[in-house]
């Protein structure tokens, strides 16, 4: 996991590493990613994901047939 000392969007030094379940929508279909770790800024809401977290999020996406 990459260590972030400040938020790249607002510059806040309050950015924190969190672990929670994310809810997302992919091509109109909702899905959840349980227990994923990432950095989040409590001031502006920016979320920063490591490559491992992105892989996990993508692996939980619903499978949608491409026409």
PDB file of N, CA and C in Angstrom:
ATOM      1  N   UNK A   1       0.844  -1.173   0.000  1.00  0.00           N
ATOM      2  CA  UNK A   1       0.000   0.000   0.000  1.00  0.00           C
ATOM      3  C   UNK A   1       0.890   1.236   0.000  1.00  0.00           C
ATOM      4  N   UNK A   2       0.541   2.203  -0.788  1.00  0.00           N
ATOM      5  CA  UNK A   2       1.258   3.469  -0.873  1.00  0.00           C
ATOM      6  C   UNK A   2       0.863   4.337   0.318  1.00  0.00           C
ATOM      7  N   UNK A   3       1.834   4.986   0.947  1.00  0.00           N
ATOM      8  CA  UNK A   3       1.552   5.872   2.069  1.00  0.00           C
ATOM      9  C   UNK A   3       1.319   7.283   1.544  1.00  0.00           C
ATOM     10  N   UNK A   4       0.147   7.834   1.826  1.00  0.00           N
ATOM     11  CA  UNK A   4      -0.181   9.198   1.424  1.00  0.00           C
ATOM     12  C   UNK A   4      -0.143  10.082   2.668  1.00  0.00           C
ATOM     13  N   UNK A   5       0.635  11.170   2.608  1.00  0.00           N
ATOM     14  CA  UNK A   5       0.744  12.080   3.744  1.00  0.00           C
ATOM     15  C   UNK A   5      -0.192  13.273   3.617  1.00  0.00           C
ATOM     16  N   UNK A   6      -0.634  13.548   2.389  1.00  0.00           N
ATOM     17  CA  UNK A   6      -1.588  14.638   2.192  1.00  0.00           C
ATOM     18  C   UNK A   6      -2.475  14.313   1.005  1.00  0.00           C
ATOM     19  N   UNK A   7      -3.638  14.933   0.975  1.00  0.00           N
ATOM     20  CA  UNK A   7      -4.606  14.712  -0.088  1.00  0.00           C
ATOM     21  C   UNK A   7      -4.145  15.431  -1.360  1.00  0.00           C
ATOM     22  N   UNK A   8      -4.101  14.737  -2.497  1.00  0.00           N
ATOM     23  CA  UNK A   8      -3.683  15.387  -3.730  1.00  0.00           C
ATOM     24  C   UNK A   8      -4.728  16.368  -4.281  1.00  0.00           C
ATOM     25  N   UNK A   9      -5.962  16.282  -3.804  1.00  0.00           N
ATOM     26  CA  UNK A   9      -7.012  17.179  -4.296  1.00  0.00           C
ATOM     27  C   UNK A   9      -7.079  18.487  -3.495  1.00  0.00           C
ATOM     28  N   UNK A  10      -7.085  18.390  -2.174  1.00  0.00           N
ATOM     29  CA  UNK A  10      -7.276  19.600  -1.358  1.00  0.00           C
ATOM     30  C   UNK A  10      -6.061  19.955  -0.510  1.00  0.00           C
ATOM     31  N   UNK A  11      -5.074  19.056  -0.445  1.00  0.00           N
ATOM     32  CA  UNK A  11      -3.870  19.329   0.316  1.00  0.00           C
ATOM     33  C   UNK A  11      -3.965  19.041   1.803  1.00  0.00           C
ATOM     34  N   UNK A  12      -5.090  18.553   2.266  1.00  0.00           N
ATOM     35  CA  UNK A  12      -5.275  18.264   3.690  1.00  0.00           C
ATOM     36  C   UNK A  12      -4.274  17.215   4.169  1.00  0.00           C
ATOM     37  N   UNK A  13      -3.741  17.416   5.350  1.00  0.00           N
ATOM     38  CA  UNK A  13      -2.840  16.446   5.965  1.00  0.00           C
ATOM     39  C   UNK A  13      -3.615  15.434   6.815  1.00  0.00           C
ATOM     40  N   UNK A  14      -4.932  15.516   6.790  1.00  0.00           N
ATOM     41  CA  UNK A  14      -5.758  14.625   7.612  1.00  0.00           C
ATOM     42  C   UNK A  14      -6.112  13.320   6.907  1.00  0.00           C
ATOM     43  N   UNK A  15      -5.564  13.054   5.736  1.00  0.00           N
ATOM     44  CA  UNK A  15      -5.895  11.843   4.986  1.00  0.00           C
ATOM     45  C   UNK A  15      -5.598  10.608   5.839  1.00  0.00           C
ATOM     46  N   UNK A  16      -6.488   9.620   5.776  1.00  0.00           N
ATOM     47  CA  UNK A  16      -6.374   8.441   6.630  1.00  0.00           C
ATOM     48  C   UNK A  16      -6.550   7.165   5.834  1.00  0.00           C
ATOM     49  N   UNK A  17      -5.879   6.120   6.310  1.00  0.00           N
ATOM     50  CA  UNK A  17      -6.080   4.791   5.735  1.00  0.00           C
ATOM     51  C   UNK A  17      -7.308   4.200   6.405  1.00  0.00           C
ATOM     52  N   UNK A  18      -8.224   3.699   5.598  1.00  0.00           N
ATOM     53  CA  UNK A  18      -9.467   3.113   6.109  1.00  0.00           C
ATOM     54  C   UNK A  18      -9.671   1.741   5.483  1.00  0.00           C
ATOM     55  N   UNK A  19     -10.527   0.964   6.102  1.00  0.00           N
ATOM     56  CA  UNK A  19     -10.912  -0.343   5.566  1.00  0.00           C
ATOM     57  C   UNK A  19     -12.415  -0.453   5.732  1.00  0.00           C
ATOM     58  N   UNK A  20     -13.096  -0.653   4.607  1.00  0.00           N
ATOM     59  CA  UNK A  20     -14.556  -0.762   4.671  1.00  0.00           C
ATOM     60  C   UNK A  20     -15.089  -1.444   3.417  1.00  0.00           C
ATOM     61  N   UNK A  21     -16.382  -1.685   3.425  1.00  0.00           N
ATOM     62  CA  UNK A  21     -17.065  -2.234   2.258  1.00  0.00           C
ATOM     63  C   UNK A  21     -17.469  -1.087   1.352  1.00  0.00           C
ATOM     64  N   UNK A  22     -17.104  -1.183   0.078  1.00  0.00           N
ATOM     65  CA  UNK A  22     -17.469  -0.166  -0.900  1.00  0.00           C
ATOM     66  C   UNK A  22     -18.679  -0.623  -1.695  1.00  0.00           C
ATOM     67  N   UNK A  23     -19.556   0.294  -2.007  1.00  0.00           N
ATOM     68  CA  UNK A  23     -20.689   0.032  -2.896  1.00  0.00           C
ATOM     69  C   UNK A  23     -20.447   0.804  -4.175  1.00  0.00           C
ATOM     70  N   UNK A  24     -20.570   0.138  -5.304  1.00  0.00           N
ATOM     71  CA  UNK A  24     -20.312   0.739  -6.606  1.00  0.00           C
ATOM     72  C   UNK A  24     -21.403   0.332  -7.592  1.00  0.00           C
ATOM     73  N   UNK A  25     -21.410   0.999  -8.733  1.00  0.00           N
ATOM     74  CA  UNK A  25     -22.303   0.630  -9.829  1.00  0.00           C
ATOM     75  C   UNK A  25     -21.441   0.481 -11.073  1.00  0.00           C
ATOM     76  N   UNK A  26     -21.618  -0.626 -11.783  1.00  0.00           N
ATOM     77  CA  UNK A  26     -20.893  -0.881 -13.021  1.00  0.00           C
ATOM     78  C   UNK A  26     -21.891  -1.212 -14.116  1.00  0.00           C
ATOM     79  N   UNK A  27     -21.930  -0.368 -15.129  1.00  0.00           N
ATOM     80  CA  UNK A  27     -22.874  -0.530 -16.247  1.00  0.00           C
ATOM     81  C   UNK A  27     -24.303  -0.746 -15.757  1.00  0.00           C
ATOM     82  N   UNK A  28     -24.673   0.065 -14.775  1.00  0.00           N
ATOM     83  CA  UNK A  28     -26.042   0.043 -14.265  1.00  0.00           C
ATOM     84  C   UNK A  28     -26.322  -1.050 -13.242  1.00  0.00           C
ATOM     85  N   UNK A  29     -25.329  -1.851 -12.916  1.00  0.00           N
ATOM     86  CA  UNK A  29     -25.535  -2.944 -11.960  1.00  0.00           C
ATOM     87  C   UNK A  29     -24.747  -2.679 -10.677  1.00  0.00           C
ATOM     88  N   UNK A  30     -25.437  -2.644  -9.539  1.00  0.00           N
ATOM     89  CA  UNK A  30     -24.747  -2.398  -8.265  1.00  0.00           C
ATOM     90  C   UNK A  30     -23.945  -3.619  -7.822  1.00  0.00           C
ATOM     91  N   UNK A  31     -22.865  -3.362  -7.111  1.00  0.00           N
ATOM     92  CA  UNK A  31     -22.087  -4.436  -6.511  1.00  0.00           C
ATOM     93  C   UNK A  31     -21.353  -3.902  -5.286  1.00  0.00           C
ATOM     94  N   UNK A  32     -20.856  -4.825  -4.478  1.00  0.00           N
ATOM     95  CA  UNK A  32     -20.156  -4.460  -3.246  1.00  0.00           C
ATOM     96  C   UNK A  32     -18.781  -5.108  -3.228  1.00  0.00           C
ATOM     97  N   UNK A  33     -17.835  -4.398  -2.619  1.00  0.00           N
ATOM     98  CA  UNK A  33     -16.483  -4.915  -2.429  1.00  0.00           C
ATOM     99  C   UNK A  33     -16.231  -4.909  -0.919  1.00  0.00           C
ATOM    100  N   UNK A  34     -16.269  -6.075  -0.278  1.00  0.00           N
ATOM    101  CA  UNK A  34     -16.119  -6.105   1.172  1.00  0.00           C
ATOM    102  C   UNK A  34     -14.671  -5.920   1.624  1.00  0.00           C
ATOM    103  N   UNK A  35     -14.512  -5.213   2.741  1.00  0.00           N
ATOM    104  CA  UNK A  35     -13.246  -5.157   3.462  1.00  0.00           C
ATOM    105  C   UNK A  35     -12.055  -4.716   2.596  1.00  0.00           C
ATOM    106  N   UNK A  36     -12.216  -3.631   1.844  1.00  0.00           N
ATOM    107  CA  UNK A  36     -11.127  -3.127   1.005  1.00  0.00           C
ATOM    108  C   UNK A  36     -10.426  -1.965   1.722  1.00  0.00           C
ATOM    109  N   UNK A  37      -9.102  -1.927   1.620  1.00  0.00           N
ATOM    110  CA  UNK A  37      -8.307  -0.900   2.292  1.00  0.00           C
ATOM    111  C   UNK A  37      -7.892   0.171   1.283  1.00  0.00           C
ATOM    112  N   UNK A  38      -8.012   1.446   1.687  1.00  0.00           N
ATOM    113  CA  UNK A  38      -7.646   2.565   0.831  1.00  0.00           C
ATOM    114  C   UNK A  38      -7.444   3.799   1.689  1.00  0.00           C
ATOM    115  N   UNK A  39      -7.002   4.885   1.080  1.00  0.00           N
ATOM    116  CA  UNK A  39      -6.852   6.163   1.788  1.00  0.00           C
ATOM    117  C   UNK A  39      -8.036   7.064   1.430  1.00  0.00           C
ATOM    118  N   UNK A  40      -8.510   7.810   2.423  1.00  0.00           N
ATOM    119  CA  UNK A  40      -9.649   8.698   2.208  1.00  0.00           C
ATOM    120  C   UNK A  40      -9.406  10.014   2.944  1.00  0.00           C
ATOM    121  N   UNK A  41      -9.765  11.113   2.292  1.00  0.00           N
ATOM    122  CA  UNK A  41      -9.640  12.436   2.890  1.00  0.00           C
ATOM    123  C   UNK A  41     -10.962  12.803   3.564  1.00  0.00           C
ATOM    124  N   UNK A  42     -10.942  13.061   4.878  1.00  0.00           N
ATOM    125  CA  UNK A  42     -12.176  13.440   5.562  1.00  0.00           C
ATOM    126  C   UNK A  42     -12.636  14.859   5.219  1.00  0.00           C
ATOM    127  N   UNK A  43     -11.758  15.669   4.617  1.00  0.00           N
ATOM    128  CA  UNK A  43     -12.124  17.042   4.287  1.00  0.00           C
ATOM    129  C   UNK A  43     -12.852  17.146   2.953  1.00  0.00           C
ATOM    130  N   UNK A  44     -12.360  16.445   1.916  1.00  0.00           N
ATOM    131  CA  UNK A  44     -12.990  16.580   0.598  1.00  0.00           C
ATOM    132  C   UNK A  44     -13.609  15.279   0.079  1.00  0.00           C
ATOM    133  N   UNK A  45     -13.343  14.158   0.769  1.00  0.00           N
ATOM    134  CA  UNK A  45     -13.934  12.887   0.357  1.00  0.00           C
ATOM    135  C   UNK A  45     -13.143  12.126  -0.694  1.00  0.00           C
ATOM    136  N   UNK A  46     -12.007  12.659  -1.133  1.00  0.00           N
ATOM    137  CA  UNK A  46     -11.187  11.979  -2.140  1.00  0.00           C
ATOM    138  C   UNK A  46     -10.772  10.603  -1.628  1.00  0.00           C
ATOM    139  N   UNK A  47     -10.861   9.589  -2.532  1.00  0.00           N
ATOM    140  CA  UNK A  47     -10.458   8.235  -2.199  1.00  0.00           C
ATOM    141  C   UNK A  47      -9.299   7.841  -3.108  1.00  0.00           C
ATOM    142  N   UNK A  48      -8.260   7.264  -2.508  1.00  0.00           N
ATOM    143  CA  UNK A  48      -7.065   6.864  -3.240  1.00  0.00           C
ATOM    144  C   UNK A  48      -6.865   5.368  -3.066  1.00  0.00           C
ATOM    145  N   UNK A  49      -6.732   4.662  -4.193  1.00  0.00           N
ATOM    146  CA  UNK A  49      -6.649   3.214  -4.169  1.00  0.00           C
ATOM    147  C   UNK A  49      -5.301   2.732  -4.672  1.00  0.00           C
ATOM    148  N   UNK A  50      -4.732   1.748  -3.987  1.00  0.00           N
ATOM    149  CA  UNK A  50      -3.492   1.121  -4.433  1.00  0.00           C
ATOM    150  C   UNK A  50      -3.816   0.228  -5.637  1.00  0.00           C
ATOM    151  N   UNK A  51      -2.810  -0.179  -6.406  1.00  0.00           N
ATOM    152  CA  UNK A  51      -3.071  -1.105  -7.513  1.00  0.00           C
ATOM    153  C   UNK A  51      -3.745  -2.397  -7.042  1.00  0.00           C
ATOM    154  N   UNK A  52      -3.377  -2.876  -5.855  1.00  0.00           N
ATOM    155  CA  UNK A  52      -3.995  -4.093  -5.316  1.00  0.00           C
ATOM    156  C   UNK A  52      -5.480  -3.876  -5.016  1.00  0.00           C
ATOM    157  N   UNK A  53      -5.822  -2.713  -4.471  1.00  0.00           N
ATOM    158  CA  UNK A  53      -7.226  -2.410  -4.188  1.00  0.00           C
ATOM    159  C   UNK A  53      -8.021  -2.285  -5.481  1.00  0.00           C
ATOM    160  N   UNK A  54      -7.429  -1.674  -6.501  1.00  0.00           N
ATOM    161  CA  UNK A  54      -8.105  -1.546  -7.800  1.00  0.00           C
ATOM    162  C   UNK A  54      -8.362  -2.931  -8.379  1.00  0.00           C
ATOM    163  N   UNK A  55      -7.386  -3.826  -8.302  1.00  0.00           N
ATOM    164  CA  UNK A  55      -7.581  -5.194  -8.796  1.00  0.00           C
ATOM    165  C   UNK A  55      -8.717  -5.881  -8.057  1.00  0.00           C
ATOM    166  N   UNK A  56      -8.775  -5.691  -6.751  1.00  0.00           N
ATOM    167  CA  UNK A  56      -9.837  -6.304  -5.954  1.00  0.00           C
ATOM    168  C   UNK A  56     -11.207  -5.754  -6.327  1.00  0.00           C
ATOM    169  N   UNK A  57     -11.289  -4.434  -6.511  1.00  0.00           N
ATOM    170  CA  UNK A  57     -12.553  -3.801  -6.899  1.00  0.00           C
ATOM    171  C   UNK A  57     -13.000  -4.329  -8.258  1.00  0.00           C
ATOM    172  N   UNK A  58     -12.077  -4.391  -9.202  1.00  0.00           N
ATOM    173  CA  UNK A  58     -12.428  -4.870 -10.540  1.00  0.00           C
ATOM    174  C   UNK A  58     -12.827  -6.342 -10.532  1.00  0.00           C
ATOM    175  N   UNK A  59     -12.228  -7.138  -9.655  1.00  0.00           N
ATOM    176  CA  UNK A  59     -12.573  -8.562  -9.607  1.00  0.00           C
ATOM    177  C   UNK A  59     -13.980  -8.787  -9.051  1.00  0.00           C
ATOM    178  N   UNK A  60     -14.505  -7.817  -8.309  1.00  0.00           N
ATOM    179  CA  UNK A  60     -15.854  -7.937  -7.735  1.00  0.00           C
ATOM    180  C   UNK A  60     -16.936  -7.379  -8.659  1.00  0.00           C
ATOM    181  N   UNK A  61     -16.534  -6.703  -9.724  1.00  0.00           N
ATOM    182  CA  UNK A  61     -17.533  -6.124 -10.640  1.00  0.00           C
ATOM    183  C   UNK A  61     -18.388  -7.208 -11.266  1.00  0.00           C
ATOM    184  N   UNK A  62     -19.654  -6.907 -11.527  1.00  0.00           N
ATOM    185  CA  UNK A  62     -20.516  -7.897 -12.185  1.00  0.00           C
ATOM    186  C   UNK A  62     -20.008  -8.181 -13.597  1.00  0.00           C
ATOM    187  N   UNK A  63     -20.166  -9.412 -13.987  1.00  0.00           N
ATOM    188  CA  UNK A  63     -19.810  -9.802 -15.353  1.00  0.00           C
ATOM    189  C   UNK A  63     -20.958  -9.380 -16.270  1.00  0.00           C
ATOM    190  N   UNK A  64     -20.629  -8.574 -17.279  1.00  0.00           N
ATOM    191  CA  UNK A  64     -21.634  -8.063 -18.199  1.00  0.00           C
ATOM    192  C   UNK A  64     -21.229  -8.474 -19.611  1.00  0.00           C
ATOM    193  N   UNK A  65     -22.145  -9.096 -20.315  1.00  0.00           N
ATOM    194  CA  UNK A  65     -21.877  -9.513 -21.693  1.00  0.00           C
ATOM    195  C   UNK A  65     -21.812  -8.286 -22.593  1.00  0.00           C
ATOM    196  N   UNK A  66     -20.782  -8.232 -23.420  1.00  0.00           N
ATOM    197  CA  UNK A  66     -20.624  -7.128 -24.365  1.00  0.00           C
ATOM    198  C   UNK A  66     -21.252  -7.554 -25.681  1.00  0.00           C
ATOM    199  N   UNK A  67     -22.146  -6.713 -26.191  1.00  0.00           N
ATOM    200  CA  UNK A  67     -22.859  -7.065 -27.426  1.00  0.00           C
ATOM    201  C   UNK A  67     -22.094  -6.586 -28.643  1.00  0.00           C
TER     202      UNK A  67
END
